Amino acid sequence: MKKYKVESLIYYSKITLDSKHIAKNSQKDIQEKLDEYAQKGYRLASTDATSFGSAVYIYLYFEKL
């Protein structure tokens, strides 16, 4: 039976000329989550993202056999 885990990360938009600031700022956090779950035997199964107001929600879906 597979085990599943969901991690959500929230990033807030700020006033800047850099339109990719959320992608740049989130990269380190996402990599840390990937490494953390990989050490526990999980693999990344899917991702999703949505925005609400000035926030961007990133969802990482992990599975383990």
N, C-alpha and C. Protein backbone atom coordinates (compact mmCIF):
# COMPACT_ATOMS: atom_id res chain seq x y z
N MET A 1 0.83 -1.18 0.00
CA MET A 1 0.00 0.00 0.00
C MET A 1 0.88 1.25 0.00
N LYS A 2 0.55 2.18 -0.85
CA LYS A 2 1.33 3.42 -0.94
C LYS A 2 0.96 4.37 0.17
N LYS A 3 1.95 5.16 0.59
CA LYS A 3 1.73 6.23 1.55
C LYS A 3 1.89 7.55 0.80
N TYR A 4 1.08 8.51 1.17
CA TYR A 4 1.11 9.81 0.52
C TYR A 4 1.30 10.93 1.54
N LYS A 5 1.99 11.97 1.12
CA LYS A 5 2.19 13.16 1.94
C LYS A 5 2.02 14.38 1.04
N VAL A 6 1.50 15.44 1.63
CA VAL A 6 1.35 16.71 0.91
C VAL A 6 2.07 17.79 1.71
N GLU A 7 2.87 18.56 1.03
CA GLU A 7 3.53 19.72 1.63
C GLU A 7 3.04 20.96 0.90
N SER A 8 2.70 21.97 1.65
CA SER A 8 2.31 23.23 1.02
C SER A 8 3.28 24.32 1.45
N LEU A 9 3.63 25.13 0.50
CA LEU A 9 4.52 26.27 0.74
C LEU A 9 3.80 27.53 0.27
N ILE A 10 3.92 28.59 1.03
CA ILE A 10 3.23 29.84 0.69
C ILE A 10 4.26 30.95 0.51
N TYR A 11 4.13 31.68 -0.58
CA TYR A 11 5.01 32.80 -0.87
C TYR A 11 4.16 34.00 -1.21
N TYR A 12 4.58 35.16 -0.73
CA TYR A 12 3.83 36.39 -0.95
C TYR A 12 4.54 37.28 -1.96
N SER A 13 3.76 37.83 -2.85
CA SER A 13 4.29 38.74 -3.85
C SER A 13 4.68 40.05 -3.19
N LYS A 14 5.68 40.69 -3.74
CA LYS A 14 6.09 41.99 -3.24
C LYS A 14 6.31 42.92 -4.42
N ILE A 15 6.36 44.18 -4.14
CA ILE A 15 6.57 45.16 -5.20
C ILE A 15 8.04 45.14 -5.60
N THR A 16 8.28 44.75 -6.83
CA THR A 16 9.65 44.65 -7.33
C THR A 16 9.62 44.68 -8.86
N LEU A 17 10.73 44.99 -9.44
CA LEU A 17 10.84 44.95 -10.90
C LEU A 17 11.17 43.54 -11.40
N ASP A 18 11.51 42.65 -10.48
CA ASP A 18 11.86 41.27 -10.83
C ASP A 18 10.58 40.42 -10.84
N SER A 19 10.08 40.14 -12.01
CA SER A 19 8.82 39.39 -12.12
C SER A 19 8.97 37.92 -11.71
N LYS A 20 10.18 37.45 -11.54
CA LYS A 20 10.42 36.04 -11.18
C LYS A 20 10.91 35.90 -9.74
N HIS A 21 10.65 36.88 -8.90
CA HIS A 21 11.17 36.84 -7.54
C HIS A 21 10.61 35.68 -6.73
N ILE A 22 9.37 35.28 -6.95
CA ILE A 22 8.81 34.16 -6.20
C ILE A 22 9.49 32.86 -6.62
N ALA A 23 9.70 32.67 -7.90
CA ALA A 23 10.38 31.46 -8.38
C ALA A 23 11.80 31.38 -7.81
N LYS A 24 12.50 32.49 -7.79
CA LYS A 24 13.87 32.51 -7.27
C LYS A 24 13.89 32.25 -5.76
N ASN A 25 12.97 32.87 -5.04
CA ASN A 25 12.96 32.73 -3.58
C ASN A 25 12.47 31.35 -3.13
N SER A 26 11.61 30.73 -3.90
CA SER A 26 11.05 29.44 -3.49
C SER A 26 11.95 28.26 -3.84
N GLN A 27 12.86 28.43 -4.76
CA GLN A 27 13.68 27.32 -5.25
C GLN A 27 14.44 26.61 -4.12
N LYS A 28 15.04 27.35 -3.23
CA LYS A 28 15.81 26.75 -2.14
C LYS A 28 14.89 25.94 -1.21
N ASP A 29 13.74 26.52 -0.85
CA ASP A 29 12.80 25.83 0.05
C ASP A 29 12.27 24.54 -0.58
N ILE A 30 11.95 24.61 -1.86
CA ILE A 30 11.42 23.43 -2.55
C ILE A 30 12.49 22.34 -2.60
N GLN A 31 13.72 22.72 -2.91
CA GLN A 31 14.80 21.73 -2.96
C GLN A 31 15.01 21.08 -1.60
N GLU A 32 14.92 21.86 -0.53
CA GLU A 32 15.06 21.29 0.81
C GLU A 32 13.96 20.28 1.10
N LYS A 33 12.73 20.57 0.70
CA LYS A 33 11.62 19.63 0.89
C LYS A 33 11.83 18.36 0.07
N LEU A 34 12.29 18.51 -1.16
CA LEU A 34 12.56 17.34 -2.00
C LEU A 34 13.62 16.45 -1.36
N ASP A 35 14.70 17.06 -0.87
CA ASP A 35 15.77 16.30 -0.23
C ASP A 35 15.28 15.63 1.05
N GLU A 36 14.50 16.35 1.84
CA GLU A 36 13.96 15.81 3.10
C GLU A 36 13.11 14.57 2.86
N TYR A 37 12.21 14.65 1.91
CA TYR A 37 11.32 13.51 1.64
C TYR A 37 12.04 12.37 0.92
N ALA A 38 13.04 12.70 0.10
CA ALA A 38 13.82 11.65 -0.56
C ALA A 38 14.57 10.81 0.46
N GLN A 39 15.08 11.45 1.52
CA GLN A 39 15.78 10.72 2.57
C GLN A 39 14.85 9.77 3.31
N LYS A 40 13.57 10.09 3.32
CA LYS A 40 12.57 9.25 3.99
C LYS A 40 12.00 8.19 3.05
N GLY A 41 12.48 8.15 1.80
CA GLY A 41 12.04 7.14 0.85
C GLY A 41 10.86 7.55 -0.02
N TYR A 42 10.47 8.81 0.03
CA TYR A 42 9.37 9.30 -0.79
C TYR A 42 9.90 9.80 -2.13
N ARG A 43 9.01 9.83 -3.10
CA ARG A 43 9.34 10.44 -4.38
C ARG A 43 8.27 11.46 -4.70
N LEU A 44 8.64 12.48 -5.46
CA LEU A 44 7.70 13.51 -5.85
C LEU A 44 6.76 12.93 -6.90
N ALA A 45 5.47 12.90 -6.61
CA ALA A 45 4.50 12.33 -7.54
C ALA A 45 3.84 13.40 -8.40
N SER A 46 3.63 14.57 -7.83
CA SER A 46 2.93 15.62 -8.55
C SER A 46 3.15 16.96 -7.86
N THR A 47 2.85 18.02 -8.57
CA THR A 47 2.91 19.37 -8.00
C THR A 47 1.70 20.16 -8.48
N ASP A 48 1.41 21.21 -7.77
CA ASP A 48 0.33 22.10 -8.15
C ASP A 48 0.63 23.47 -7.54
N ALA A 49 0.07 24.49 -8.11
CA ALA A 49 0.24 25.84 -7.57
C ALA A 49 -1.01 26.65 -7.87
N THR A 50 -1.32 27.53 -6.97
CA THR A 50 -2.46 28.43 -7.15
C THR A 50 -2.13 29.76 -6.51
N SER A 51 -2.80 30.78 -6.95
CA SER A 51 -2.59 32.09 -6.34
C SER A 51 -3.90 32.61 -5.78
N PHE A 52 -3.78 33.34 -4.70
CA PHE A 52 -4.94 33.94 -4.06
C PHE A 52 -4.49 35.27 -3.48
N GLY A 53 -5.01 36.35 -4.00
CA GLY A 53 -4.56 37.66 -3.57
C GLY A 53 -3.10 37.86 -3.93
N SER A 54 -2.29 38.20 -2.95
CA SER A 54 -0.86 38.41 -3.20
C SER A 54 -0.03 37.19 -2.85
N ALA A 55 -0.69 36.07 -2.57
CA ALA A 55 0.02 34.85 -2.17
C ALA A 55 0.01 33.81 -3.28
N VAL A 56 1.08 33.03 -3.34
CA VAL A 56 1.18 31.89 -4.24
C VAL A 56 1.35 30.66 -3.37
N TYR A 57 0.48 29.68 -3.57
CA TYR A 57 0.51 28.43 -2.82
C TYR A 57 1.08 27.35 -3.72
N ILE A 58 2.12 26.70 -3.25
CA ILE A 58 2.76 25.61 -3.99
C ILE A 58 2.54 24.32 -3.22
N TYR A 59 2.02 23.32 -3.90
CA TYR A 59 1.73 22.03 -3.28
C TYR A 59 2.65 20.96 -3.88
N LEU A 60 3.30 20.21 -3.03
CA LEU A 60 4.16 19.11 -3.44
C LEU A 60 3.53 17.82 -2.93
N TYR A 61 3.26 16.90 -3.83
CA TYR A 61 2.63 15.62 -3.48
C TYR A 61 3.69 14.51 -3.58
N PHE A 62 3.89 13.84 -2.47
CA PHE A 62 4.90 12.78 -2.39
C PHE A 62 4.22 11.43 -2.20
N GLU A 63 4.86 10.38 -2.72
CA GLU A 63 4.35 9.03 -2.49
C GLU A 63 5.51 8.10 -2.14
N LYS A 64 5.18 7.04 -1.43
CA LYS A 64 6.16 6.06 -0.98
C LYS A 64 5.53 4.69 -1.11
N LEU A 65 6.25 3.75 -1.70
CA LEU A 65 5.72 2.39 -1.83
C LEU A 65 5.74 1.64 -0.54
